[in-house]
Amino acid sequence: MDLSTVFGLILGFVALIVGMAMKGVTPDNLFNVAAILIIIFGTIASVIIAFPMNELKRVPKLFGVLFKEQKLVSDSDVIRMFSGWADTARREGLLSLEAKTDEIQDPFLKNGLGLAIDGQNADYIRDVLTEEVDAMEDRHAVGALIFSQAGTYAPTLGVLGAVVGLIAALKNLSDLTLLGHAISSAFIATLLGIFTGYVLWHPFANKLKRKSSEEVRQKMMMIEGILSVLEGEAPRVIEQKLSSYLSVEERRKLAATNSVDKEAGKFVEET
């Protein structure tokens, strides 16, 4: 489970409810049927109109992406994996890596290594894998755009709800009870529109973009690793090249781990 998404939602709703309570407004005021119909269902209707059905069918899966922790192999493990493959390929030949393909769970990496083992040239492999990454990025962008557009529609529908509430208020100027209820409904609609737009939909879109960016970055690193192994580069060179994708702190940890591994290797040789 993605704890940042869950914690952020809980904090957002708590902030809203506590803030309302401090102003003397009870949470039951939010359950205004007219406001909910205009904002929630109006936003859903707008999104349905804006996107084709084949893209809308992915929305349940997108919610799964938002609330599930992204299962990516750590970058350091990826670098060490390519370093090991490079060492094996230099000693035993590229075809010796064919046995490794059965152990690979990532379809993208498995396909890339398979292309290299099959003898495809570097330009062809880069083109095929880059096009696959671009297609994946486009699919992810559409998913994020759905939530981004919902975040744009919701606050505007909040204004629409306020206008409807004010129209109702003007029809009941002689009845102060109905007048107060109508004005309250108008502001509740505005509140729901702004809250859902800027606490739910826009943050959801940004989370999807960030997760997509992380996956794209790692896949680009994999492409460089596959091509480096294909070209017969030394493991140390591959580590230095792929480390450019890491943060400074991650590079330090990788270097420290490599130093420990080397010391352990020397100890084994000496004994």
Protein backbone atom coordinates (compact mmCIF):
# COMPACT_ATOMS: atom_id res chain seq x y z
CA MET A 1 0.00 0.00 0.00
CA ASP A 2 1.21 3.49 -0.87
CA LEU A 3 1.28 5.07 2.58
CA SER A 4 1.84 8.60 1.29
CA THR A 5 -1.46 8.50 -0.63
CA VAL A 6 -3.41 7.08 2.32
CA PHE A 7 -1.79 9.41 4.88
CA GLY A 8 -2.33 12.43 2.64
CA LEU A 9 -6.03 11.66 2.19
CA ILE A 10 -6.55 11.13 5.91
CA LEU A 11 -4.72 14.37 6.72
CA GLY A 12 -6.74 16.28 4.11
CA PHE A 13 -10.11 15.11 5.43
CA VAL A 14 -9.06 15.65 9.04
CA ALA A 15 -7.92 19.18 8.21
CA LEU A 16 -11.27 19.90 6.55
CA ILE A 17 -13.41 18.49 9.36
CA VAL A 18 -11.37 20.07 12.17
CA GLY A 19 -11.27 23.39 10.34
CA MET A 20 -15.05 23.32 9.93
CA ALA A 21 -15.52 22.40 13.59
CA MET A 22 -13.37 25.36 14.67
CA LYS A 23 -15.70 27.62 12.71
CA GLY A 24 -18.77 26.06 14.29
CA VAL A 25 -19.76 24.03 11.23
CA THR A 26 -20.69 20.39 11.77
CA PRO A 27 -19.58 17.65 9.30
CA ASP A 28 -23.20 16.75 8.49
CA ASN A 29 -23.43 20.06 6.63
CA LEU A 30 -21.24 18.51 3.94
CA PHE A 31 -23.89 15.92 3.15
CA ASN A 32 -25.90 18.22 0.94
CA VAL A 33 -27.56 16.13 -1.76
CA ALA A 34 -27.82 18.96 -4.28
CA ALA A 35 -24.17 19.93 -3.86
CA ILE A 36 -23.01 16.30 -4.13
CA LEU A 37 -25.05 15.77 -7.30
CA ILE A 38 -23.65 18.87 -8.95
CA ILE A 39 -20.00 18.44 -7.92
CA ILE A 40 -19.37 14.69 -7.71
CA PHE A 41 -21.71 13.43 -10.40
CA GLY A 42 -21.17 16.53 -12.50
CA THR A 43 -17.41 15.91 -12.45
CA ILE A 44 -17.92 12.25 -13.38
CA ALA A 45 -20.21 13.25 -16.25
CA SER A 46 -17.69 15.81 -17.53
CA VAL A 47 -14.88 13.26 -17.50
CA ILE A 48 -17.04 10.70 -19.31
CA ILE A 49 -17.80 13.25 -22.00
CA ALA A 50 -14.15 14.30 -22.31
CA PHE A 51 -12.56 10.85 -22.76
CA PRO A 52 -13.34 7.81 -24.92
CA MET A 53 -14.64 4.70 -23.17
CA ASN A 54 -11.52 2.61 -23.86
CA GLU A 55 -9.51 5.08 -21.74
CA LEU A 56 -12.16 5.39 -19.02
CA LYS A 57 -12.12 1.61 -18.53
CA ARG A 58 -8.62 2.00 -17.07
CA VAL A 59 -9.78 4.26 -14.20
CA PRO A 60 -10.27 1.40 -11.66
CA LYS A 61 -6.76 0.18 -12.47
CA LEU A 62 -5.44 3.73 -12.00
CA PHE A 63 -6.89 3.83 -8.50
CA GLY A 64 -5.02 0.60 -7.85
CA VAL A 65 -1.80 2.29 -8.99
CA LEU A 66 -2.48 5.23 -6.68
CA PHE A 67 -3.01 3.12 -3.57
CA LYS A 68 -0.48 0.36 -4.19
CA GLU A 69 3.23 0.75 -3.59
CA GLN A 70 5.17 0.83 -6.84
CA LYS A 71 6.99 -2.49 -7.22
CA LEU A 72 10.28 -1.50 -8.80
CA VAL A 73 13.59 -3.23 -8.29
CA SER A 74 16.03 -0.91 -6.55
CA ASP A 75 18.35 0.94 -8.91
CA SER A 76 21.40 -0.36 -7.05
CA ASP A 77 20.26 -3.95 -7.61
CA VAL A 78 19.74 -3.23 -11.30
CA ILE A 79 23.27 -1.84 -11.60
CA ARG A 80 24.78 -4.81 -9.79
CA MET A 81 22.79 -7.17 -12.01
CA PHE A 82 24.16 -5.61 -15.20
CA SER A 83 27.64 -5.59 -13.74
CA GLY A 84 27.35 -9.32 -13.09
CA TRP A 85 25.98 -9.97 -16.57
CA ALA A 86 28.82 -7.98 -18.13
CA ASP A 87 31.37 -10.04 -16.22
CA THR A 88 29.72 -13.28 -17.35
CA ALA A 89 29.46 -12.13 -20.98
CA ARG A 90 33.12 -11.09 -21.09
CA ARG A 91 34.28 -14.45 -19.69
CA GLU A 92 31.84 -16.86 -21.33
CA GLY A 93 30.31 -14.96 -24.22
CA LEU A 94 26.97 -13.18 -24.69
CA LEU A 95 25.10 -16.43 -25.38
CA SER A 96 25.87 -17.57 -21.83
CA LEU A 97 23.28 -15.05 -20.63
CA GLU A 98 20.47 -16.98 -22.32
CA ALA A 99 20.03 -19.01 -19.15
CA LYS A 100 19.42 -15.75 -17.26
CA THR A 101 16.29 -14.90 -19.28
CA ASP A 102 14.22 -17.52 -17.47
CA GLU A 103 15.01 -15.83 -14.14
CA ILE A 104 13.91 -12.36 -15.26
CA GLN A 105 10.42 -11.30 -14.13
CA ASP A 106 10.31 -7.92 -15.88
CA PRO A 107 8.95 -8.43 -19.46
CA PHE A 108 10.70 -5.28 -20.69
CA LEU A 109 14.11 -6.37 -19.43
CA LYS A 110 13.56 -9.94 -20.62
CA ASN A 111 12.69 -8.72 -24.11
CA GLY A 112 15.70 -6.41 -24.25
CA LEU A 113 18.16 -9.07 -23.14
CA GLY A 114 16.58 -11.52 -25.58
CA LEU A 115 17.14 -9.10 -28.46
CA ALA A 116 20.78 -8.74 -27.48
CA ILE A 117 21.29 -12.50 -27.24
CA ASP A 118 19.59 -12.97 -30.63
CA GLY A 119 22.31 -10.84 -32.20
CA GLN A 120 20.35 -7.67 -32.97
CA ASN A 121 22.48 -4.54 -33.36
CA ALA A 122 22.55 -1.78 -30.77
CA ASP A 123 20.60 0.76 -32.86
CA TYR A 124 17.75 -1.68 -33.45
CA ILE A 125 17.54 -2.63 -29.78
CA ARG A 126 17.58 1.01 -28.68
CA ASP A 127 14.84 1.91 -31.17
CA VAL A 128 12.57 -0.99 -30.18
CA LEU A 129 12.93 -0.49 -26.45
CA THR A 130 12.69 3.30 -26.63
CA GLU A 131 9.48 3.06 -28.63
CA GLU A 132 8.10 0.70 -26.00
CA VAL A 133 8.97 3.19 -23.26
CA ASP A 134 7.40 6.06 -25.23
CA ALA A 135 4.18 4.07 -25.72
CA MET A 136 4.06 3.27 -22.02
CA GLU A 137 4.65 6.92 -21.14
CA ASP A 138 1.79 7.98 -23.43
CA ARG A 139 -0.57 5.52 -21.74
CA HIS A 140 0.44 6.80 -18.32
CA ALA A 141 -0.01 10.41 -19.46
CA VAL A 142 -3.60 9.72 -20.49
CA GLY A 143 -4.36 8.23 -17.08
CA ALA A 144 -2.93 11.26 -15.30
CA LEU A 145 -4.82 13.58 -17.66
CA ILE A 146 -8.15 12.03 -16.63
CA PHE A 147 -7.60 13.05 -13.01
CA SER A 148 -6.06 16.36 -13.99
CA GLN A 149 -9.15 17.26 -16.03
CA ALA A 150 -11.40 16.18 -13.16
CA GLY A 151 -9.44 18.59 -10.97
CA THR A 152 -10.11 21.35 -13.48
CA TYR A 153 -13.83 20.64 -13.80
CA ALA A 154 -14.65 20.24 -10.09
CA PRO A 155 -13.90 23.82 -8.89
CA THR A 156 -15.77 25.27 -11.87
CA LEU A 157 -18.75 23.06 -11.08
CA GLY A 158 -18.46 24.43 -7.54
CA VAL A 159 -19.17 27.87 -8.96
CA LEU A 160 -22.14 26.40 -10.84
CA GLY A 161 -23.41 24.92 -7.59
CA ALA A 162 -23.05 28.30 -5.90
CA VAL A 163 -25.07 29.96 -8.67
CA VAL A 164 -27.82 27.35 -8.31
CA GLY A 165 -27.86 27.94 -4.55
CA LEU A 166 -28.10 31.70 -4.99
CA ILE A 167 -30.95 31.30 -7.46
CA ALA A 168 -32.78 29.23 -4.85
CA ALA A 169 -31.98 31.89 -2.23
CA LEU A 170 -33.45 34.68 -4.36
CA LYS A 171 -36.69 32.71 -4.70
CA ASN A 172 -37.08 32.54 -0.93
CA LEU A 173 -36.19 36.03 0.27
CA SER A 174 -39.30 36.19 2.43
CA ASP A 175 -38.50 32.95 4.29
CA LEU A 176 -35.32 33.36 6.31
CA THR A 177 -35.07 29.62 7.07
CA LEU A 178 -35.16 28.62 3.40
CA LEU A 179 -32.92 31.56 2.54
CA GLY A 180 -30.22 30.43 4.98
CA HIS A 181 -30.44 26.83 3.76
CA ALA A 182 -30.09 27.91 0.12
CA ILE A 183 -27.07 30.11 0.83
CA SER A 184 -25.48 27.30 2.87
CA SER A 185 -25.97 24.88 -0.03
CA ALA A 186 -24.36 27.37 -2.38
CA PHE A 187 -21.20 27.60 -0.29
CA ILE A 188 -21.10 23.84 0.35
CA ALA A 189 -21.06 23.24 -3.40
CA THR A 190 -18.13 25.65 -3.79
CA LEU A 191 -16.31 23.98 -0.89
CA LEU A 192 -16.76 20.49 -2.35
CA GLY A 193 -15.63 21.64 -5.78
CA ILE A 194 -12.42 23.21 -4.52
CA PHE A 195 -11.68 20.42 -2.03
CA THR A 196 -12.12 17.55 -4.47
CA GLY A 197 -10.27 19.41 -7.20
CA TYR A 198 -7.19 20.40 -5.22
CA VAL A 199 -7.02 17.74 -2.52
CA LEU A 200 -8.09 14.70 -4.57
CA TRP A 201 -7.98 14.94 -8.36
CA HIS A 202 -4.96 17.15 -9.01
CA PRO A 203 -2.79 15.36 -6.39
CA PHE A 204 -3.88 12.00 -7.86
CA ALA A 205 -2.77 13.18 -11.30
CA ASN A 206 0.58 14.31 -9.94
CA LYS A 207 1.13 10.99 -8.13
CA LEU A 208 0.51 9.09 -11.37
CA LYS A 209 2.95 11.35 -13.22
CA ARG A 210 5.64 10.81 -10.59
CA LYS A 211 5.22 7.03 -10.60
CA SER A 212 5.35 7.03 -14.39
CA SER A 213 8.49 9.16 -14.34
CA GLU A 214 10.21 6.73 -11.95
CA GLU A 215 9.32 3.73 -14.11
CA VAL A 216 10.47 5.47 -17.31
CA ARG A 217 13.76 6.48 -15.70
CA GLN A 218 14.51 2.93 -14.60
CA LYS A 219 13.61 1.50 -18.00
CA MET A 220 15.95 3.98 -19.70
CA MET A 221 18.67 2.82 -17.31
CA MET A 222 17.92 -0.77 -18.33
CA ILE A 223 18.30 0.14 -22.00
CA GLU A 224 21.74 1.60 -21.34
CA GLY A 225 22.69 -1.47 -19.32
CA ILE A 226 21.61 -3.90 -22.06
CA LEU A 227 23.51 -1.97 -24.73
CA SER A 228 26.61 -1.75 -22.52
CA VAL A 229 26.61 -5.52 -22.01
CA LEU A 230 26.09 -6.02 -25.75
CA GLU A 231 29.10 -3.83 -26.53
CA GLY A 232 31.27 -5.79 -24.11
CA GLU A 233 32.00 -2.97 -21.70
CA ALA A 234 33.76 -3.75 -18.42
CA PRO A 235 31.60 -4.16 -15.31
CA ARG A 236 33.27 -1.16 -13.65
CA VAL A 237 32.52 1.03 -16.67
CA ILE A 238 28.88 -0.06 -16.65
CA GLU A 239 28.58 0.75 -12.96
CA GLN A 240 29.98 4.23 -13.52
CA LYS A 241 27.69 4.84 -16.49
CA LEU A 242 24.48 3.66 -14.81
CA SER A 243 25.32 5.44 -11.56
CA SER A 244 24.53 8.69 -13.34
CA TYR A 245 20.84 7.76 -12.86
CA LEU A 246 21.28 7.66 -9.08
CA SER A 247 21.25 10.43 -6.51
CA VAL A 248 24.47 11.34 -4.72
CA GLU A 249 23.36 9.45 -1.61
CA GLU A 250 22.47 6.34 -3.62
CA ARG A 251 25.87 6.45 -5.33
CA ARG A 252 27.60 6.53 -1.94
CA LYS A 253 25.59 3.52 -0.75
CA LEU A 254 26.38 1.60 -3.95
CA ALA A 255 30.08 2.40 -3.64
CA ALA A 256 30.08 1.34 0.01
CA THR A 257 28.32 -1.94 -0.82
CA ASN A 258 30.79 -2.66 -3.63
CA SER A 259 33.71 -2.01 -1.29
CA VAL A 260 32.31 -4.47 1.25
CA ASP A 261 31.78 -7.08 -1.48
CA LYS A 262 35.35 -6.68 -2.71
CA GLU A 263 36.78 -7.03 0.79
CA ALA A 264 34.69 -10.15 1.33
CA GLY A 265 35.95 -11.56 -1.96
CA LYS A 266 39.60 -10.94 -0.98
CA PHE A 267 39.00 -12.61 2.36
CA VAL A 268 37.56 -15.70 0.67
CA GLU A 269 40.54 -15.89 -1.72
CA GLU A 270 43.06 -15.55 1.10
CA THR A 271 41.42 -18.26 3.18
